[in-house]
Protein backbone atom coordinates (compact mmCIF):
# COMPACT_ATOMS: atom_id res chain seq x y z
CA UNK A 1 33.97 70.67 121.36
CA UNK A 2 34.60 73.90 121.01
CA UNK A 3 37.55 73.84 119.02
CA UNK A 4 35.78 71.07 116.71
CA UNK A 5 32.94 73.59 116.85
CA UNK A 6 34.36 76.87 115.68
CA UNK A 7 36.26 75.27 112.92
CA UNK A 8 33.31 73.56 111.60
CA UNK A 9 31.43 76.34 111.78
CA UNK A 10 33.82 78.68 109.67
CA UNK A 11 34.79 76.06 107.04
CA UNK A 12 30.94 75.35 106.34
CA UNK A 13 30.07 79.07 107.02
CA UNK A 14 32.87 79.69 103.80
CA UNK A 15 30.98 77.06 101.71
CA UNK A 16 28.06 78.12 102.35
CA UNK A 17 28.23 81.78 101.52
CA UNK A 18 29.66 81.14 98.05
CA UNK A 19 26.77 78.34 97.35
CA UNK A 20 24.46 81.03 98.61
CA UNK A 21 25.32 83.89 96.42
CA UNK A 22 26.11 81.50 93.36
CA UNK A 23 22.02 80.41 94.63
CA UNK A 24 20.55 84.07 94.51
CA UNK A 25 22.49 85.06 91.71
CA UNK A 26 20.85 82.38 89.44
CA UNK A 27 17.26 82.71 91.26
CA UNK A 28 14.87 82.02 89.08
CA UNK A 29 16.85 79.78 86.32
CA UNK A 30 15.07 76.64 85.71
CA UNK A 31 18.44 73.29 86.53
CA UNK A 32 20.17 75.58 88.61
CA UNK A 33 19.45 73.68 91.70
CA UNK A 34 20.05 70.28 90.18
CA UNK A 35 23.73 72.19 88.77
CA UNK A 36 24.96 73.44 91.91
CA UNK A 37 23.14 70.31 93.87
CA UNK A 38 25.98 68.08 91.69
CA UNK A 39 28.54 70.15 92.46
CA UNK A 40 28.05 70.75 96.28
CA UNK A 41 27.93 66.89 96.15
CA UNK A 42 31.32 65.84 93.94
CA UNK A 43 32.64 68.51 96.09
CA UNK A 44 32.20 66.47 99.15
CA UNK A 45 33.22 63.30 97.69
CA UNK A 46 36.38 65.12 96.55
CA UNK A 47 37.20 66.36 100.02
CA UNK A 48 36.76 62.94 101.21
CA UNK A 49 39.26 61.59 98.92
CA UNK A 50 41.83 64.76 99.13
CA UNK A 51 41.64 63.94 102.64
CA UNK A 52 42.43 60.33 102.99
CA UNK A 53 45.47 61.30 100.60
CA UNK A 54 45.85 63.92 102.45
CA UNK A 55 49.55 62.70 103.77
CA UNK A 56 50.92 61.62 100.48
CA UNK A 57 50.00 64.73 98.37
CA UNK A 58 51.84 66.67 101.10
CA UNK A 59 54.93 64.26 100.78
CA UNK A 60 54.81 64.68 96.89
CA UNK A 61 55.41 68.24 96.97
CA UNK A 62 58.13 68.34 99.91
CA UNK A 63 55.35 69.52 103.00
CA UNK A 64 54.00 72.08 101.28
CA UNK A 65 50.88 69.81 99.07
CA UNK A 66 48.17 71.54 101.33
CA UNK A 67 48.92 74.91 100.36
CA UNK A 68 49.52 74.11 96.92
CA UNK A 69 46.28 72.51 96.31
CA UNK A 70 44.73 75.13 98.19
CA UNK A 71 45.63 78.10 95.98
CA UNK A 72 45.26 75.69 92.59
CA UNK A 73 41.65 75.40 94.09
CA UNK A 74 41.04 78.68 95.24
CA UNK A 75 42.40 80.10 91.69
CA UNK A 76 40.48 77.74 89.62
CA UNK A 77 37.49 78.57 91.65
CA UNK A 78 38.08 83.02 91.31
CA UNK A 79 38.43 82.01 87.48
CA UNK A 80 34.76 80.33 87.58
CA UNK A 81 33.60 83.34 89.30
CA UNK A 82 35.01 85.47 87.00
CA UNK A 83 33.12 83.75 83.67
CA UNK A 84 30.12 84.21 85.78
CA UNK A 85 30.08 87.53 86.24
CA UNK A 86 31.21 88.58 82.96
CA UNK A 87 28.51 86.37 81.26
CA UNK A 88 25.87 88.12 83.68
CA UNK A 89 27.08 91.40 82.96
CA UNK A 90 26.06 90.38 79.19
CA UNK A 91 22.60 88.83 79.65
CA UNK A 92 21.05 90.42 83.10
CA UNK A 93 18.49 92.51 81.21
CA UNK A 94 17.46 89.75 79.05
CA UNK A 95 17.03 87.36 81.79
CA UNK A 96 15.13 89.91 84.19
CA UNK A 97 12.79 90.42 81.08
CA UNK A 98 12.50 87.09 80.94
CA UNK A 99 12.13 86.10 84.30
CA UNK A 100 9.38 88.34 84.52
CA UNK A 101 7.59 87.14 81.38
CA UNK A 102 7.88 83.71 81.64
CA UNK A 103 8.83 82.87 84.75
CA UNK A 104 11.77 79.67 85.72
CA UNK A 105 11.89 79.26 81.39
CA UNK A 106 16.01 79.54 80.41
CA UNK A 107 16.38 82.63 78.16
CA UNK A 108 17.99 81.77 75.13
CA UNK A 109 22.37 82.00 75.77
CA UNK A 110 21.82 79.83 78.80
CA UNK A 111 24.34 80.46 81.43
CA UNK A 112 27.14 77.29 81.02
CA UNK A 113 25.52 75.35 84.52
CA UNK A 114 28.39 73.38 84.89
CA UNK A 115 30.39 76.28 85.74
CA UNK A 116 27.98 76.91 88.52
CA UNK A 117 28.66 73.23 89.55
CA UNK A 118 32.56 73.71 89.36
CA UNK A 119 32.62 76.92 91.69
CA UNK A 120 30.05 75.09 94.43
CA UNK A 121 32.00 71.83 94.10
CA UNK A 122 35.55 73.59 94.74
CA UNK A 123 34.06 76.37 97.63
CA UNK A 124 33.00 72.54 99.55
CA UNK A 125 36.03 70.77 98.16
CA UNK A 126 38.59 73.34 99.76
CA UNK A 127 36.66 73.97 103.04
CA UNK A 128 35.52 70.35 103.13
CA UNK A 129 39.67 69.02 102.87
CA UNK A 130 40.39 71.30 105.57
CA UNK A 131 37.67 70.21 107.99
CA UNK A 132 38.57 66.82 107.62
CA UNK A 133 42.61 67.75 108.53
CA UNK A 134 42.06 70.42 111.15
CA UNK A 135 39.53 67.87 113.09
CA UNK A 136 42.67 65.04 112.69
CA UNK A 137 44.82 67.56 114.18
CA UNK A 138 42.46 67.92 117.03
CA UNK A 139 42.01 64.12 117.56
CA UNK A 140 45.39 63.25 117.41
CA UNK A 141 45.63 66.11 120.59
CA UNK A 142 43.22 64.02 122.40
CA UNK A 143 40.20 65.11 122.68
CA UNK A 144 37.33 62.41 122.39
CA UNK A 145 35.09 60.96 119.45
CA UNK A 146 32.11 62.10 121.17
CA UNK A 147 33.18 65.74 121.85
CA UNK A 148 34.73 66.18 118.62
CA UNK A 149 31.31 64.95 116.74
CA UNK A 150 29.08 66.82 118.63
CA UNK A 151 31.39 70.24 118.17
CA UNK A 152 31.61 69.44 114.55
CA UNK A 153 27.83 68.90 114.62
CA UNK A 154 26.93 72.47 116.10
CA UNK A 155 29.60 74.04 113.84
CA UNK A 156 27.42 72.52 110.91
CA UNK A 157 23.95 73.81 111.77
CA UNK A 158 25.39 76.87 112.84
CA UNK A 159 27.23 77.56 109.41
CA UNK A 160 24.46 76.48 107.18
CA UNK A 161 21.99 78.55 109.83
CA UNK A 162 23.89 81.39 108.83
CA UNK A 163 24.21 80.99 105.05
CA UNK A 164 20.15 80.21 105.15
CA UNK A 165 19.86 83.81 106.62
CA UNK A 166 21.90 85.68 103.50
CA UNK A 167 19.94 83.54 100.90
CA UNK A 168 16.61 84.65 102.64
CA UNK A 169 17.89 88.15 103.33
CA UNK A 170 19.20 88.29 99.40
CA UNK A 171 15.88 87.17 97.96
CA UNK A 172 14.06 90.00 99.65
CA UNK A 173 15.94 92.33 97.16
CA UNK A 174 13.85 92.79 93.95
CA UNK A 175 15.28 90.75 90.57
CA UNK A 176 17.15 93.79 89.05
CA UNK A 177 18.87 94.96 92.04
CA UNK A 178 19.51 91.56 93.12
CA UNK A 179 21.49 90.51 89.79
CA UNK A 180 23.53 93.64 90.70
CA UNK A 181 23.91 92.93 94.31
CA UNK A 182 25.01 89.50 93.69
CA UNK A 183 27.23 90.47 90.99
CA UNK A 184 29.42 92.91 93.30
CA UNK A 185 29.64 89.89 96.14
CA UNK A 186 30.85 87.29 93.70
CA UNK A 187 33.61 90.25 92.45
CA UNK A 188 34.53 90.87 96.39
CA UNK A 189 34.26 87.24 96.85
CA UNK A 190 36.57 86.30 93.81
CA UNK A 191 38.84 89.16 94.94
CA UNK A 192 39.39 87.58 98.67
CA UNK A 193 39.85 84.25 97.44
CA UNK A 194 42.41 85.09 94.60
CA UNK A 195 44.85 87.38 98.21
CA UNK A 196 44.48 84.21 99.81
CA UNK A 197 45.45 82.09 97.36
CA UNK A 198 48.51 84.03 97.49
CA UNK A 199 48.82 83.92 100.51
CA UNK A 200 48.80 80.06 100.52
CA UNK A 201 51.87 80.34 97.41
CA UNK A 202 53.47 83.17 100.31
CA UNK A 203 53.53 79.73 103.04
CA UNK A 204 54.90 77.22 100.08
CA UNK A 205 57.28 79.91 98.92
CA UNK A 206 56.29 80.25 95.70
CA UNK A 207 56.05 84.16 95.98
CA UNK A 208 57.63 86.36 98.17
CA UNK A 209 57.02 86.67 101.71
CA UNK A 210 56.50 90.79 103.05
CA UNK A 211 56.20 92.21 106.14
CA UNK A 212 52.16 93.05 106.87
CA UNK A 213 51.45 96.55 105.77
CA UNK A 214 49.47 96.61 108.83
CA UNK A 215 47.70 94.86 111.32
CA UNK A 216 44.41 95.81 112.67
CA UNK A 217 43.53 92.23 114.80
CA UNK A 218 43.11 94.58 117.68
CA UNK A 219 41.30 96.87 116.15
CA UNK A 220 38.70 93.35 114.21
CA UNK A 221 40.16 90.25 114.34
CA UNK A 222 39.91 87.56 111.70
CA UNK A 223 38.81 85.07 114.04
CA UNK A 224 35.95 87.28 115.56
CA UNK A 225 32.64 86.15 113.55
CA UNK A 226 32.24 89.39 112.23
CA UNK A 227 35.72 89.33 110.63
CA UNK A 228 34.96 85.97 109.74
CA UNK A 229 31.94 87.42 107.71
CA UNK A 230 34.13 89.89 106.40
CA UNK A 231 37.16 87.67 105.31
CA UNK A 232 34.74 85.85 103.64
CA UNK A 233 31.80 88.26 102.13
CA UNK A 234 34.98 90.61 101.37
CA UNK A 235 38.34 89.52 101.36
CA UNK A 236 38.97 90.93 104.50
CA UNK A 237 42.54 90.52 106.16
CA UNK A 238 43.87 92.08 109.42
CA UNK A 239 47.12 91.79 108.51
CA UNK A 240 47.95 91.89 104.47
CA UNK A 241 50.91 92.01 102.62
CA UNK A 242 51.60 94.00 98.96
CA UNK A 243 50.95 90.86 97.73
CA UNK A 244 47.81 90.47 99.50
CA UNK A 245 46.85 93.67 98.14
CA UNK A 246 47.89 93.16 94.82
CA UNK A 247 46.22 90.11 93.99
CA UNK A 248 42.73 91.69 95.84
CA UNK A 249 42.72 94.85 93.03
CA UNK A 250 43.95 93.13 90.62
CA UNK A 251 41.63 90.68 90.57
CA UNK A 252 38.75 93.69 91.58
CA UNK A 253 39.99 95.13 88.24
CA UNK A 254 40.55 92.36 85.92
CA UNK A 255 36.54 91.11 86.12
CA UNK A 256 35.32 94.52 86.87
CA UNK A 257 36.88 95.66 83.19
CA UNK A 258 35.69 92.51 82.21
CA UNK A 259 32.38 93.19 83.17
CA UNK A 260 32.36 96.75 81.81
CA UNK A 261 33.55 96.15 78.60
CA UNK A 262 31.16 92.97 78.27
CA UNK A 263 27.77 94.71 79.65
CA UNK A 264 28.56 97.79 76.44
CA UNK A 265 26.17 97.68 74.16
CA UNK A 266 28.26 97.94 70.96
CA UNK A 267 30.09 95.10 72.28
CA UNK A 268 26.99 93.18 73.00
CA UNK A 269 26.01 93.47 69.62
CA UNK A 270 29.26 93.00 67.83
CA UNK A 271 29.62 89.38 69.58
CA UNK A 272 26.07 88.20 68.93
């Protein structure tokens, strides 16, 4: 029961935090719940389909299908989050003013909400498919269905609860500051996803493997609660390689530069 509880908690928490940050970043925008909720629903359906065909996917790529799939999902999520942040950089002030005046009406130049659906759906898709596969492994090791179900329910409740607490905390932040805070959270989230994706590609042999540059597992393990939260939110890795750091900081620089460039008044006027 403990094994299934920990696994489900970890995977649900990662998806919940991504969705939480997206919800907070788009607070007050009409239609965001429908689009993000739709993305979550499609992610659940996709996770079930992927889990059902997991063995075929792995066989198609000579046993490394899950790593390639995870990396692809993560990189696509990074692109969606990058687009969101860059769009917000050019519209945040207008949105804050509009939200203060007309409540939940959407400003002109509306954010393409399907990007939110894709980002939320991909988070659920990856974590959901991994959860099912991990639970298959636990079931194969002999754990009873009843114990595994109870553990999974406890892990699900815990992950959702932590995500809800974060969302409640974010909503206490004034709107203008909220957009800046969630922008930084999404930037760090995307960088962490890119670093994790590079690790999957290294495992699959598509990128070179290097020895870790350092090991802080003895100080803060990635498997601890705090370590898991930091891994999800800021991309913390106890044993990063040069490839991991390259993808992490490369993503930070590229998205950060795009945010700075698009937020400049001259650029906004020229693109209007």
